[in-house]
Amino acid sequence: MNALERQEDALIDCGVDPAHVIRAALRRAVKNWELEPDFVAPSEEKRTRITEWRARTSLAVDASAVSALLRAYDPLDVLSKWTLIRGQLEPRVWAEIDAILDEIADRAAAPQEVPDEPRT
């Protein structure tokens, strides 16, 4: 899993390791996600070429949903399982990357609270 090319500059400028942002986005995206039985073609949007940012993970998915996708869209079992599910999952991760970048920007723009000095 990797970010989109359009997200590169914001990831570089956000002040947090981009790989950490992407991993956090992946965790958020899969938290309540369930594989749908309909195939969604992977997006043609350009992904970043910065390979150090890629996040890899194992993902548990409902076996019956994967079987349904295989029967309907890959009866010869020539595609990887990732190819069958990435069209559903990648847009969720990219949306979470955008949300995290917005959160980071909001926190950076918020006035910093100065702790009260101790009274003597």
PDB file of N, CA and C in Angstrom:
ATOM      1  N   MET A   1       0.851  -1.165   0.000  1.00  0.00           N
ATOM      2  CA  MET A   1       0.000   0.000   0.000  1.00  0.00           C
ATOM      3  C   MET A   1       0.893   1.223   0.000  1.00  0.00           C
ATOM      4  N   ASN A   2       0.548   2.187  -0.835  1.00  0.00           N
ATOM      5  CA  ASN A   2       1.318   3.414  -0.873  1.00  0.00           C
ATOM      6  C   ASN A   2       0.385   4.593  -1.082  1.00  0.00           C
ATOM      7  N   ALA A   3       0.900   5.767  -0.840  1.00  0.00           N
ATOM      8  CA  ALA A   3       0.139   6.998  -1.015  1.00  0.00           C
ATOM      9  C   ALA A   3       0.006   7.334  -2.491  1.00  0.00           C
ATOM     10  N   LEU A   4      -0.836   8.299  -2.745  1.00  0.00           N
ATOM     11  CA  LEU A   4      -0.990   8.813  -4.101  1.00  0.00           C
ATOM     12  C   LEU A   4       0.085   9.848  -4.379  1.00  0.00           C
ATOM     13  N   GLU A   5       0.397  10.003  -5.654  1.00  0.00           N
ATOM     14  CA  GLU A   5       1.375  11.007  -6.059  1.00  0.00           C
ATOM     15  C   GLU A   5       0.941  12.401  -5.597  1.00  0.00           C
ATOM     16  N   ARG A   6      -0.361  12.676  -5.661  1.00  0.00           N
ATOM     17  CA  ARG A   6      -0.864  13.997  -5.273  1.00  0.00           C
ATOM     18  C   ARG A   6      -0.687  14.280  -3.778  1.00  0.00           C
ATOM     19  N   GLN A   7      -0.419  13.230  -2.986  1.00  0.00           N
ATOM     20  CA  GLN A   7      -0.252  13.389  -1.547  1.00  0.00           C
ATOM     21  C   GLN A   7       1.210  13.569  -1.139  1.00  0.00           C
ATOM     22  N   GLU A   8       2.119  13.406  -2.087  1.00  0.00           N
ATOM     23  CA  GLU A   8       3.558  13.441  -1.777  1.00  0.00           C
ATOM     24  C   GLU A   8       3.997  14.698  -1.048  1.00  0.00           C
ATOM     25  N   ASP A   9       3.711  15.858  -1.618  1.00  0.00           N
ATOM     26  CA  ASP A   9       4.201  17.108  -1.032  1.00  0.00           C
ATOM     27  C   ASP A   9       3.695  17.292   0.391  1.00  0.00           C
ATOM     28  N   ALA A  10       2.413  17.027   0.603  1.00  0.00           N
ATOM     29  CA  ALA A  10       1.847  17.187   1.948  1.00  0.00           C
ATOM     30  C   ALA A  10       2.485  16.204   2.920  1.00  0.00           C
ATOM     31  N   LEU A  11       2.755  14.984   2.471  1.00  0.00           N
ATOM     32  CA  LEU A  11       3.401  14.002   3.338  1.00  0.00           C
ATOM     33  C   LEU A  11       4.820  14.443   3.692  1.00  0.00           C
ATOM     34  N   ILE A  12       5.529  14.977   2.744  1.00  0.00           N
ATOM     35  CA  ILE A  12       6.900  15.438   2.991  1.00  0.00           C
ATOM     36  C   ILE A  12       6.904  16.617   3.953  1.00  0.00           C
ATOM     37  N   ASP A  13       5.921  17.511   3.802  1.00  0.00           N
ATOM     38  CA  ASP A  13       5.894  18.749   4.580  1.00  0.00           C
ATOM     39  C   ASP A  13       5.187  18.648   5.930  1.00  0.00           C
ATOM     40  N   CYS A  14       4.548  17.523   6.230  1.00  0.00           N
ATOM     41  CA  CYS A  14       3.685  17.459   7.415  1.00  0.00           C
ATOM     42  C   CYS A  14       4.437  17.374   8.736  1.00  0.00           C
ATOM     43  N   GLY A  15       5.722  17.038   8.710  1.00  0.00           N
ATOM     44  CA  GLY A  15       6.481  16.964   9.944  1.00  0.00           C
ATOM     45  C   GLY A  15       6.433  15.606  10.637  1.00  0.00           C
ATOM     46  N   VAL A  16       5.761  14.645  10.020  1.00  0.00           N
ATOM     47  CA  VAL A  16       5.685  13.284  10.545  1.00  0.00           C
ATOM     48  C   VAL A  16       6.233  12.364   9.457  1.00  0.00           C
ATOM     49  N   ASP A  17       6.936  11.333   9.860  1.00  0.00           N
ATOM     50  CA  ASP A  17       7.477  10.380   8.893  1.00  0.00           C
ATOM     51  C   ASP A  17       6.327   9.879   8.001  1.00  0.00           C
ATOM     52  N   PRO A  18       6.405  10.080   6.688  1.00  0.00           N
ATOM     53  CA  PRO A  18       5.326   9.658   5.792  1.00  0.00           C
ATOM     54  C   PRO A  18       4.968   8.177   5.919  1.00  0.00           C
ATOM     55  N   ALA A  19       5.950   7.333   6.166  1.00  0.00           N
ATOM     56  CA  ALA A  19       5.655   5.908   6.337  1.00  0.00           C
ATOM     57  C   ALA A  19       4.749   5.683   7.543  1.00  0.00           C
ATOM     58  N   HIS A  20       4.925   6.474   8.597  1.00  0.00           N
ATOM     59  CA  HIS A  20       4.073   6.355   9.781  1.00  0.00           C
ATOM     60  C   HIS A  20       2.655   6.804   9.464  1.00  0.00           C
ATOM     61  N   VAL A  21       2.524   7.866   8.685  1.00  0.00           N
ATOM     62  CA  VAL A  21       1.195   8.349   8.295  1.00  0.00           C
ATOM     63  C   VAL A  21       0.475   7.276   7.476  1.00  0.00           C
ATOM     64  N   ILE A  22       1.174   6.673   6.546  1.00  0.00           N
ATOM     65  CA  ILE A  22       0.562   5.661   5.679  1.00  0.00           C
ATOM     66  C   ILE A  22       0.153   4.433   6.488  1.00  0.00           C
ATOM     67  N   ARG A  23       1.006   4.000   7.401  1.00  0.00           N
ATOM     68  CA  ARG A  23       0.647   2.842   8.242  1.00  0.00           C
ATOM     69  C   ARG A  23      -0.549   3.162   9.133  1.00  0.00           C
ATOM     70  N   ALA A  24      -0.588   4.366   9.680  1.00  0.00           N
ATOM     71  CA  ALA A  24      -1.733   4.768  10.504  1.00  0.00           C
ATOM     72  C   ALA A  24      -3.006   4.811   9.660  1.00  0.00           C
ATOM     73  N   ALA A  25      -2.894   5.318   8.442  1.00  0.00           N
ATOM     74  CA  ALA A  25      -4.054   5.373   7.549  1.00  0.00           C
ATOM     75  C   ALA A  25      -4.551   3.967   7.212  1.00  0.00           C
ATOM     76  N   LEU A  26      -3.637   3.057   6.987  1.00  0.00           N
ATOM     77  CA  LEU A  26      -4.010   1.673   6.703  1.00  0.00           C
ATOM     78  C   LEU A  26      -4.740   1.056   7.893  1.00  0.00           C
ATOM     79  N   ARG A  27      -4.212   1.279   9.095  1.00  0.00           N
ATOM     80  CA  ARG A  27      -4.878   0.747  10.299  1.00  0.00           C
ATOM     81  C   ARG A  27      -6.290   1.305  10.424  1.00  0.00           C
ATOM     82  N   ARG A  28      -6.446   2.605  10.217  1.00  0.00           N
ATOM     83  CA  ARG A  28      -7.776   3.220  10.311  1.00  0.00           C
ATOM     84  C   ARG A  28      -8.716   2.681   9.231  1.00  0.00           C
ATOM     85  N   ALA A  29      -8.189   2.525   8.029  1.00  0.00           N
ATOM     86  CA  ALA A  29      -9.025   2.109   6.894  1.00  0.00           C
ATOM     87  C   ALA A  29      -9.583   0.705   7.063  1.00  0.00           C
ATOM     88  N   VAL A  30      -8.816  -0.165   7.681  1.00  0.00           N
ATOM     89  CA  VAL A  30      -9.276  -1.556   7.804  1.00  0.00           C
ATOM     90  C   VAL A  30      -9.997  -1.829   9.113  1.00  0.00           C
ATOM     91  N   LYS A  31     -10.029  -0.859  10.008  1.00  0.00           N
ATOM     92  CA  LYS A  31     -10.603  -1.076  11.332  1.00  0.00           C
ATOM     93  C   LYS A  31     -12.022  -1.642  11.266  1.00  0.00           C
ATOM     94  N   ASN A  32     -12.890  -1.076  10.500  1.00  0.00           N
ATOM     95  CA  ASN A  32     -14.276  -1.544  10.402  1.00  0.00           C
ATOM     96  C   ASN A  32     -14.653  -1.945   8.975  1.00  0.00           C
ATOM     97  N   TRP A  33     -13.666  -2.214   8.150  1.00  0.00           N
ATOM     98  CA  TRP A  33     -13.905  -2.532   6.745  1.00  0.00           C
ATOM     99  C   TRP A  33     -14.248  -3.999   6.579  1.00  0.00           C
ATOM    100  N   GLU A  34     -15.196  -4.253   5.704  1.00  0.00           N
ATOM    101  CA  GLU A  34     -15.526  -5.618   5.331  1.00  0.00           C
ATOM    102  C   GLU A  34     -15.521  -5.706   3.812  1.00  0.00           C
ATOM    103  N   LEU A  35     -14.919  -6.751   3.293  1.00  0.00           N
ATOM    104  CA  LEU A  35     -14.847  -6.968   1.862  1.00  0.00           C
ATOM    105  C   LEU A  35     -16.243  -7.169   1.293  1.00  0.00           C
ATOM    106  N   GLU A  36     -16.565  -6.404   0.278  1.00  0.00           N
ATOM    107  CA  GLU A  36     -17.847  -6.545  -0.413  1.00  0.00           C
ATOM    108  C   GLU A  36     -17.721  -7.603  -1.499  1.00  0.00           C
ATOM    109  N   PRO A  37     -18.804  -8.254  -1.870  1.00  0.00           N
ATOM    110  CA  PRO A  37     -18.730  -9.329  -2.862  1.00  0.00           C
ATOM    111  C   PRO A  37     -18.604  -8.850  -4.307  1.00  0.00           C
ATOM    112  N   ASP A  38     -18.632  -7.535  -4.525  1.00  0.00           N
ATOM    113  CA  ASP A  38     -18.534  -7.001  -5.879  1.00  0.00           C
ATOM    114  C   ASP A  38     -17.126  -6.503  -6.155  1.00  0.00           C
ATOM    115  N   PHE A  39     -16.614  -6.847  -7.317  1.00  0.00           N
ATOM    116  CA  PHE A  39     -15.287  -6.415  -7.729  1.00  0.00           C
ATOM    117  C   PHE A  39     -15.296  -4.930  -8.042  1.00  0.00           C
ATOM    118  N   VAL A  40     -14.288  -4.236  -7.552  1.00  0.00           N
ATOM    119  CA  VAL A  40     -14.068  -2.827  -7.874  1.00  0.00           C
ATOM    120  C   VAL A  40     -12.692  -2.759  -8.515  1.00  0.00           C
ATOM    121  N   ALA A  41     -12.644  -2.282  -9.742  1.00  0.00           N
ATOM    122  CA  ALA A  41     -11.360  -2.191 -10.443  1.00  0.00           C
ATOM    123  C   ALA A  41     -10.437  -1.224  -9.713  1.00  0.00           C
ATOM    124  N   PRO A  42      -9.155  -1.550  -9.627  1.00  0.00           N
ATOM    125  CA  PRO A  42      -8.201  -0.633  -8.991  1.00  0.00           C
ATOM    126  C   PRO A  42      -8.183   0.715  -9.707  1.00  0.00           C
ATOM    127  N   SER A  43      -8.001   1.741  -8.918  1.00  0.00           N
ATOM    128  CA  SER A  43      -7.947   3.096  -9.442  1.00  0.00           C
ATOM    129  C   SER A  43      -6.735   3.279 -10.350  1.00  0.00           C
ATOM    130  N   GLU A  44      -6.897   4.134 -11.328  1.00  0.00           N
ATOM    131  CA  GLU A  44      -5.790   4.472 -12.224  1.00  0.00           C
ATOM    132  C   GLU A  44      -4.985   5.663 -11.705  1.00  0.00           C
ATOM    133  N   GLU A  45      -5.364   6.199 -10.540  1.00  0.00           N
ATOM    134  CA  GLU A  45      -4.630   7.338  -9.989  1.00  0.00           C
ATOM    135  C   GLU A  45      -3.169   6.959  -9.779  1.00  0.00           C
ATOM    136  N   LYS A  46      -2.291   7.922 -10.021  1.00  0.00           N
ATOM    137  CA  LYS A  46      -0.862   7.659  -9.889  1.00  0.00           C
ATOM    138  C   LYS A  46      -0.471   7.583  -8.419  1.00  0.00           C
ATOM    139  N   ARG A  47       0.258   6.527  -8.101  1.00  0.00           N
ATOM    140  CA  ARG A  47       0.783   6.350  -6.764  1.00  0.00           C
ATOM    141  C   ARG A  47       2.182   6.944  -6.693  1.00  0.00           C
ATOM    142  N   THR A  48       2.595   7.306  -5.494  1.00  0.00           N
ATOM    143  CA  THR A  48       3.939   7.825  -5.331  1.00  0.00           C
ATOM    144  C   THR A  48       4.954   6.744  -5.667  1.00  0.00           C
ATOM    145  N   ARG A  49       6.076   7.164  -6.168  1.00  0.00           N
ATOM    146  CA  ARG A  49       7.148   6.214  -6.490  1.00  0.00           C
ATOM    147  C   ARG A  49       8.136   6.080  -5.336  1.00  0.00           C
ATOM    148  N   ILE A  50       7.859   6.730  -4.237  1.00  0.00           N
ATOM    149  CA  ILE A  50       8.764   6.671  -3.087  1.00  0.00           C
ATOM    150  C   ILE A  50       8.479   5.367  -2.339  1.00  0.00           C
ATOM    151  N   THR A  51       9.280   4.372  -2.647  1.00  0.00           N
ATOM    152  CA  THR A  51       9.011   3.023  -2.146  1.00  0.00           C
ATOM    153  C   THR A  51       9.262   2.877  -0.645  1.00  0.00           C
ATOM    154  N   GLU A  52      10.045   3.736  -0.045  1.00  0.00           N
ATOM    155  CA  GLU A  52      10.304   3.650   1.394  1.00  0.00           C
ATOM    156  C   GLU A  52       9.050   3.884   2.220  1.00  0.00           C
ATOM    157  N   TRP A  53       8.041   4.477   1.617  1.00  0.00           N
ATOM    158  CA  TRP A  53       6.816   4.781   2.340  1.00  0.00           C
ATOM    159  C   TRP A  53       5.821   3.623   2.345  1.00  0.00           C
ATOM    160  N   ARG A  54       6.044   2.629   1.533  1.00  0.00           N
ATOM    161  CA  ARG A  54       5.064   1.547   1.388  1.00  0.00           C
ATOM    162  C   ARG A  54       4.804   0.835   2.709  1.00  0.00           C
ATOM    163  N   ALA A  55       3.546   0.516   2.894  1.00  0.00           N
ATOM    164  CA  ALA A  55       3.143  -0.252   4.073  1.00  0.00           C
ATOM    165  C   ALA A  55       2.689  -1.626   3.603  1.00  0.00           C
ATOM    166  N   ARG A  56       3.195  -2.637   4.268  1.00  0.00           N
ATOM    167  CA  ARG A  56       2.798  -4.014   3.971  1.00  0.00           C
ATOM    168  C   ARG A  56       2.128  -4.577   5.203  1.00  0.00           C
ATOM    169  N   THR A  57       1.116  -5.366   4.971  1.00  0.00           N
ATOM    170  CA  THR A  57       0.418  -5.968   6.092  1.00  0.00           C
ATOM    171  C   THR A  57      -0.302  -7.222   5.637  1.00  0.00           C
ATOM    172  N   SER A  58      -0.635  -8.024   6.583  1.00  0.00           N
ATOM    173  CA  SER A  58      -1.533  -9.145   6.325  1.00  0.00           C
ATOM    174  C   SER A  58      -2.928  -8.652   6.673  1.00  0.00           C
ATOM    175  N   LEU A  59      -3.874  -9.055   5.908  1.00  0.00           N
ATOM    176  CA  LEU A  59      -5.226  -8.568   6.108  1.00  0.00           C
ATOM    177  C   LEU A  59      -6.183  -9.744   6.121  1.00  0.00           C
ATOM    178  N   ALA A  60      -6.881  -9.906   7.204  1.00  0.00           N
ATOM    179  CA  ALA A  60      -7.869 -10.979   7.288  1.00  0.00           C
ATOM    180  C   ALA A  60      -9.154 -10.499   6.605  1.00  0.00           C
ATOM    181  N   VAL A  61      -9.638 -11.286   5.669  1.00  0.00           N
ATOM    182  CA  VAL A  61     -10.885 -10.964   4.991  1.00  0.00           C
ATOM    183  C   VAL A  61     -11.804 -12.177   5.044  1.00  0.00           C
ATOM    184  N   ASP A  62     -13.065 -11.913   4.905  1.00  0.00           N
ATOM    185  CA  ASP A  62     -14.055 -12.974   4.933  1.00  0.00           C
ATOM    186  C   ASP A  62     -13.829 -13.940   3.771  1.00  0.00           C
ATOM    187  N   ALA A  63     -13.634 -15.215   4.105  1.00  0.00           N
ATOM    188  CA  ALA A  63     -13.333 -16.222   3.087  1.00  0.00           C
ATOM    189  C   ALA A  63     -14.459 -16.366   2.074  1.00  0.00           C
ATOM    190  N   SER A  64     -15.698 -16.252   2.511  1.00  0.00           N
ATOM    191  CA  SER A  64     -16.810 -16.406   1.564  1.00  0.00           C
ATOM    192  C   SER A  64     -16.858 -15.241   0.579  1.00  0.00           C
ATOM    193  N   ALA A  65     -16.504 -14.038   1.039  1.00  0.00           N
ATOM    194  CA  ALA A  65     -16.475 -12.883   0.132  1.00  0.00           C
ATOM    195  C   ALA A  65     -15.364 -13.047  -0.899  1.00  0.00           C
ATOM    196  N   VAL A  66     -14.196 -13.533  -0.470  1.00  0.00           N
ATOM    197  CA  VAL A  66     -13.103 -13.770  -1.412  1.00  0.00           C
ATOM    198  C   VAL A  66     -13.500 -14.860  -2.400  1.00  0.00           C
ATOM    199  N   SER A  67     -14.119 -15.905  -1.907  1.00  0.00           N
ATOM    200  CA  SER A  67     -14.570 -16.994  -2.794  1.00  0.00           C
ATOM    201  C   SER A  67     -15.569 -16.484  -3.819  1.00  0.00           C
ATOM    202  N   ALA A  68     -16.482 -15.618  -3.387  1.00  0.00           N
ATOM    203  CA  ALA A  68     -17.463 -15.055  -4.315  1.00  0.00           C
ATOM    204  C   ALA A  68     -16.771 -14.223  -5.393  1.00  0.00           C
ATOM    205  N   LEU A  69     -15.780 -13.426  -4.987  1.00  0.00           N
ATOM    206  CA  LEU A  69     -15.024 -12.633  -5.963  1.00  0.00           C
ATOM    207  C   LEU A  69     -14.277 -13.544  -6.931  1.00  0.00           C
ATOM    208  N   LEU A  70     -13.662 -14.585  -6.407  1.00  0.00           N
ATOM    209  CA  LEU A  70     -12.936 -15.525  -7.268  1.00  0.00           C
ATOM    210  C   LEU A  70     -13.869 -16.176  -8.287  1.00  0.00           C
ATOM    211  N   ARG A  71     -14.994 -16.662  -7.826  1.00  0.00           N
ATOM    212  CA  ARG A  71     -15.944 -17.329  -8.736  1.00  0.00           C
ATOM    213  C   ARG A  71     -16.437 -16.379  -9.825  1.00  0.00           C
ATOM    214  N   ALA A  72     -16.756 -15.165  -9.425  1.00  0.00           N
ATOM    215  CA  ALA A  72     -17.355 -14.227 -10.365  1.00  0.00           C
ATOM    216  C   ALA A  72     -16.349 -13.527 -11.268  1.00  0.00           C
ATOM    217  N   TYR A  73     -15.174 -13.202 -10.744  1.00  0.00           N
ATOM    218  CA  TYR A  73     -14.255 -12.333 -11.482  1.00  0.00           C
ATOM    219  C   TYR A  73     -12.920 -12.971 -11.827  1.00  0.00           C
ATOM    220  N   ASP A  74     -12.621 -14.109 -11.258  1.00  0.00           N
ATOM    221  CA  ASP A  74     -11.352 -14.778 -11.546  1.00  0.00           C
ATOM    222  C   ASP A  74     -11.521 -16.292 -11.429  1.00  0.00           C
ATOM    223  N   PRO A  75     -12.386 -16.860 -12.262  1.00  0.00           N
ATOM    224  CA  PRO A  75     -12.678 -18.296 -12.127  1.00  0.00           C
ATOM    225  C   PRO A  75     -11.464 -19.190 -12.405  1.00  0.00           C
ATOM    226  N   LEU A  76     -10.473 -18.687 -13.123  1.00  0.00           N
ATOM    227  CA  LEU A  76      -9.273 -19.486 -13.386  1.00  0.00           C
ATOM    228  C   LEU A  76      -8.210 -19.304 -12.304  1.00  0.00           C
ATOM    229  N   ASP A  77      -8.482 -18.439 -11.335  1.00  0.00           N
ATOM    230  CA  ASP A  77      -7.569 -18.188 -10.220  1.00  0.00           C
ATOM    231  C   ASP A  77      -6.185 -17.760 -10.712  1.00  0.00           C
ATOM    232  N   VAL A  78      -6.169 -16.763 -11.612  1.00  0.00           N
ATOM    233  CA  VAL A  78      -4.904 -16.260 -12.142  1.00  0.00           C
ATOM    234  C   VAL A  78      -4.484 -14.925 -11.512  1.00  0.00           C
ATOM    235  N   LEU A  79      -5.426 -14.238 -10.889  1.00  0.00           N
ATOM    236  CA  LEU A  79      -5.117 -12.956 -10.265  1.00  0.00           C
ATOM    237  C   LEU A  79      -4.701 -13.168  -8.810  1.00  0.00           C
ATOM    238  N   SER A  80      -3.937 -12.239  -8.299  1.00  0.00           N
ATOM    239  CA  SER A  80      -3.619 -12.299  -6.876  1.00  0.00           C
ATOM    240  C   SER A  80      -4.855 -11.875  -6.092  1.00  0.00           C
ATOM    241  N   LYS A  81      -4.921 -12.301  -4.863  1.00  0.00           N
ATOM    242  CA  LYS A  81      -6.050 -11.898  -4.001  1.00  0.00           C
ATOM    243  C   LYS A  81      -6.033 -10.380  -3.815  1.00  0.00           C
ATOM    244  N   TRP A  82      -4.839  -9.814  -3.737  1.00  0.00           N
ATOM    245  CA  TRP A  82      -4.718  -8.364  -3.576  1.00  0.00           C
ATOM    246  C   TRP A  82      -5.368  -7.639  -4.745  1.00  0.00           C
ATOM    247  N   THR A  83      -5.175  -8.141  -5.955  1.00  0.00           N
ATOM    248  CA  THR A  83      -5.778  -7.523  -7.135  1.00  0.00           C
ATOM    249  C   THR A  83      -7.302  -7.491  -7.004  1.00  0.00           C
ATOM    250  N   LEU A  84      -7.848  -8.520  -6.396  1.00  0.00           N
ATOM    251  CA  LEU A  84      -9.302  -8.594  -6.257  1.00  0.00           C
ATOM    252  C   LEU A  84      -9.859  -7.640  -5.203  1.00  0.00           C
ATOM    253  N   ILE A  85      -9.056  -7.288  -4.199  1.00  0.00           N
ATOM    254  CA  ILE A  85      -9.609  -6.449  -3.126  1.00  0.00           C
ATOM    255  C   ILE A  85      -9.093  -5.011  -3.121  1.00  0.00           C
ATOM    256  N   ARG A  86      -8.015  -4.747  -3.829  1.00  0.00           N
ATOM    257  CA  ARG A  86      -7.405  -3.422  -3.707  1.00  0.00           C
ATOM    258  C   ARG A  86      -8.295  -2.285  -4.186  1.00  0.00           C
ATOM    259  N   GLY A  87      -9.162  -2.533  -5.162  1.00  0.00           N
ATOM    260  CA  GLY A  87     -10.068  -1.484  -5.623  1.00  0.00           C
ATOM    261  C   GLY A  87     -11.041  -1.028  -4.550  1.00  0.00           C
ATOM    262  N   GLN A  88     -11.316  -1.903  -3.606  1.00  0.00           N
ATOM    263  CA  GLN A  88     -12.177  -1.540  -2.480  1.00  0.00           C
ATOM    264  C   GLN A  88     -11.393  -0.865  -1.354  1.00  0.00           C
ATOM    265  N   LEU A  89     -10.161  -1.308  -1.143  1.00  0.00           N
ATOM    266  CA  LEU A  89      -9.410  -0.865   0.024  1.00  0.00           C
ATOM    267  C   LEU A  89      -8.570   0.389  -0.212  1.00  0.00           C
ATOM    268  N   GLU A  90      -7.894   0.478  -1.332  1.00  0.00           N
ATOM    269  CA  GLU A  90      -6.993   1.619  -1.559  1.00  0.00           C
ATOM    270  C   GLU A  90      -7.677   2.973  -1.394  1.00  0.00           C
ATOM    271  N   PRO A  91      -8.849   3.209  -1.974  1.00  0.00           N
ATOM    272  CA  PRO A  91      -9.476   4.531  -1.790  1.00  0.00           C
ATOM    273  C   PRO A  91      -9.748   4.869  -0.321  1.00  0.00           C
ATOM    274  N   ARG A  92     -10.042   3.861   0.477  1.00  0.00           N
ATOM    275  CA  ARG A  92     -10.249   4.092   1.912  1.00  0.00           C
ATOM    276  C   ARG A  92      -8.945   4.549   2.569  1.00  0.00           C
ATOM    277  N   VAL A  93      -7.841   3.921   2.208  1.00  0.00           N
ATOM    278  CA  VAL A  93      -6.546   4.296   2.784  1.00  0.00           C
ATOM    279  C   VAL A  93      -6.178   5.706   2.355  1.00  0.00           C
ATOM    280  N   TRP A  94      -6.367   6.015   1.084  1.00  0.00           N
ATOM    281  CA  TRP A  94      -6.032   7.357   0.598  1.00  0.00           C
ATOM    282  C   TRP A  94      -6.878   8.424   1.295  1.00  0.00           C
ATOM    283  N   ALA A  95      -8.137   8.125   1.536  1.00  0.00           N
ATOM    284  CA  ALA A  95      -9.001   9.069   2.257  1.00  0.00           C
ATOM    285  C   ALA A  95      -8.499   9.258   3.689  1.00  0.00           C
ATOM    286  N   GLU A  96      -8.031   8.186   4.300  1.00  0.00           N
ATOM    287  CA  GLU A  96      -7.490   8.292   5.658  1.00  0.00           C
ATOM    288  C   GLU A  96      -6.180   9.067   5.672  1.00  0.00           C
ATOM    289  N   ILE A  97      -5.351   8.911   4.647  1.00  0.00           N
ATOM    290  CA  ILE A  97      -4.121   9.715   4.562  1.00  0.00           C
ATOM    291  C   ILE A  97      -4.498  11.190   4.513  1.00  0.00           C
ATOM    292  N   ASP A  98      -5.468  11.531   3.669  1.00  0.00           N
ATOM    293  CA  ASP A  98      -5.926  12.925   3.592  1.00  0.00           C
ATOM    294  C   ASP A  98      -6.436  13.412   4.944  1.00  0.00           C
ATOM    295  N   ALA A  99      -7.208  12.572   5.638  1.00  0.00           N
ATOM    296  CA  ALA A  99      -7.763  12.961   6.943  1.00  0.00           C
ATOM    297  C   ALA A  99      -6.642  13.185   7.963  1.00  0.00           C
ATOM    298  N   ILE A 100      -5.657  12.305   7.977  1.00  0.00           N
ATOM    299  CA  ILE A 100      -4.538  12.461   8.915  1.00  0.00           C
ATOM    300  C   ILE A 100      -3.747  13.721   8.594  1.00  0.00           C
ATOM    301  N   LEU A 101      -3.505  13.969   7.318  1.00  0.00           N
ATOM    302  CA  LEU A 101      -2.793  15.198   6.931  1.00  0.00           C
ATOM    303  C   LEU A 101      -3.574  16.433   7.370  1.00  0.00           C
ATOM    304  N   ASP A 102      -4.898  16.393   7.233  1.00  0.00           N
ATOM    305  CA  ASP A 102      -5.729  17.511   7.702  1.00  0.00           C
ATOM    306  C   ASP A 102      -5.614  17.684   9.215  1.00  0.00           C
ATOM    307  N   GLU A 103      -5.625  16.572   9.952  1.00  0.00           N
ATOM    308  CA  GLU A 103      -5.493  16.632  11.409  1.00  0.00           C
ATOM    309  C   GLU A 103      -4.159  17.233  11.805  1.00  0.00           C
ATOM    310  N   ILE A 104      -3.097  16.821  11.138  1.00  0.00           N
ATOM    311  CA  ILE A 104      -1.772  17.361  11.436  1.00  0.00           C
ATOM    312  C   ILE A 104      -1.733  18.856  11.145  1.00  0.00           C
ATOM    313  N   ALA A 105      -2.296  19.263  10.007  1.00  0.00           N
ATOM    314  CA  ALA A 105      -2.314  20.689   9.648  1.00  0.00           C
ATOM    315  C   ALA A 105      -3.147  21.494  10.646  1.00  0.00           C
ATOM    316  N   ASP A 106      -4.286  20.942  11.073  1.00  0.00           N
ATOM    317  CA  ASP A 106      -5.131  21.643  12.051  1.00  0.00           C
ATOM    318  C   ASP A 106      -4.395  21.841  13.373  1.00  0.00           C
ATOM    319  N   ARG A 107      -3.696  20.807  13.814  1.00  0.00           N
ATOM    320  CA  ARG A 107      -2.947  20.921  15.075  1.00  0.00           C
ATOM    321  C   ARG A 107      -1.807  21.919  14.954  1.00  0.00           C
ATOM    322  N   ALA A 108      -1.163  21.936  13.798  1.00  0.00           N
ATOM    323  CA  ALA A 108      -0.061  22.877  13.592  1.00  0.00           C
ATOM    324  C   ALA A 108      -0.566  24.314  13.556  1.00  0.00           C
ATOM    325  N   ALA A 109      -1.786  24.512  13.057  1.00  0.00           N
ATOM    326  CA  ALA A 109      -2.350  25.855  12.943  1.00  0.00           C
ATOM    327  C   ALA A 109      -2.978  26.339  14.247  1.00  0.00           C
ATOM    328  N   ALA A 110      -3.296  25.430  15.139  1.00  0.00           N
ATOM    329  CA  ALA A 110      -3.928  25.810  16.402  1.00  0.00           C
ATOM    330  C   ALA A 110      -2.932  26.541  17.282  1.00  0.00           C
ATOM    331  N   PRO A 111      -3.418  27.547  17.991  1.00  0.00           N
ATOM    332  CA  PRO A 111      -2.512  28.251  18.896  1.00  0.00           C
ATOM    333  C   PRO A 111      -2.004  27.288  19.969  1.00  0.00           C
ATOM    334  N   GLN A 112      -0.742  27.394  20.244  1.00  0.00           N
ATOM    335  CA  GLN A 112      -0.119  26.529  21.241  1.00  0.00           C
ATOM    336  C   GLN A 112      -0.440  27.050  22.636  1.00  0.00           C
ATOM    337  N   GLU A 113      -0.901  26.161  23.485  1.00  0.00           N
ATOM    338  CA  GLU A 113      -1.182  26.542  24.856  1.00  0.00           C
ATOM    339  C   GLU A 113       0.130  26.591  25.630  1.00  0.00           C
ATOM    340  N   VAL A 114       0.290  27.650  26.366  1.00  0.00           N
ATOM    341  CA  VAL A 114       1.474  27.795  27.192  1.00  0.00           C
ATOM    342  C   VAL A 114       1.085  27.354  28.591  1.00  0.00           C
ATOM    343  N   PRO A 115       1.797  26.403  29.164  1.00  0.00           N
ATOM    344  CA  PRO A 115       1.442  25.960  30.502  1.00  0.00           C
ATOM    345  C   PRO A 115       1.611  27.082  31.513  1.00  0.00           C
ATOM    346  N   ASP A 116       0.737  27.070  32.483  1.00  0.00           N
ATOM    347  CA  ASP A 116       0.842  28.076  33.545  1.00  0.00           C
ATOM    348  C   ASP A 116       2.158  27.900  34.283  1.00  0.00           C
ATOM    349  N   GLU A 117       2.769  29.027  34.608  1.00  0.00           N
ATOM    350  CA  GLU A 117       4.006  28.950  35.358  1.00  0.00           C
ATOM    351  C   GLU A 117       3.660  28.639  36.820  1.00  0.00           C
ATOM    352  N   PRO A 118       4.475  27.847  37.452  1.00  0.00           N
ATOM    353  CA  PRO A 118       4.191  27.532  38.856  1.00  0.00           C
ATOM    354  C   PRO A 118       4.250  28.801  39.710  1.00  0.00           C
ATOM    355  N   ARG A 119       3.354  28.873  40.646  1.00  0.00           N
ATOM    356  CA  ARG A 119       3.313  30.038  41.551  1.00  0.00           C
ATOM    357  C   ARG A 119       4.152  29.737  42.764  1.00  0.00           C
ATOM    358  N   THR A 120       4.880  30.714  43.179  1.00  0.00           N
ATOM    359  CA  THR A 120       5.714  30.538  44.373  1.00  0.00           C
ATOM    360  C   THR A 120       5.308  31.434  45.486  1.00  0.00           C
TER     361      THR A 120
END
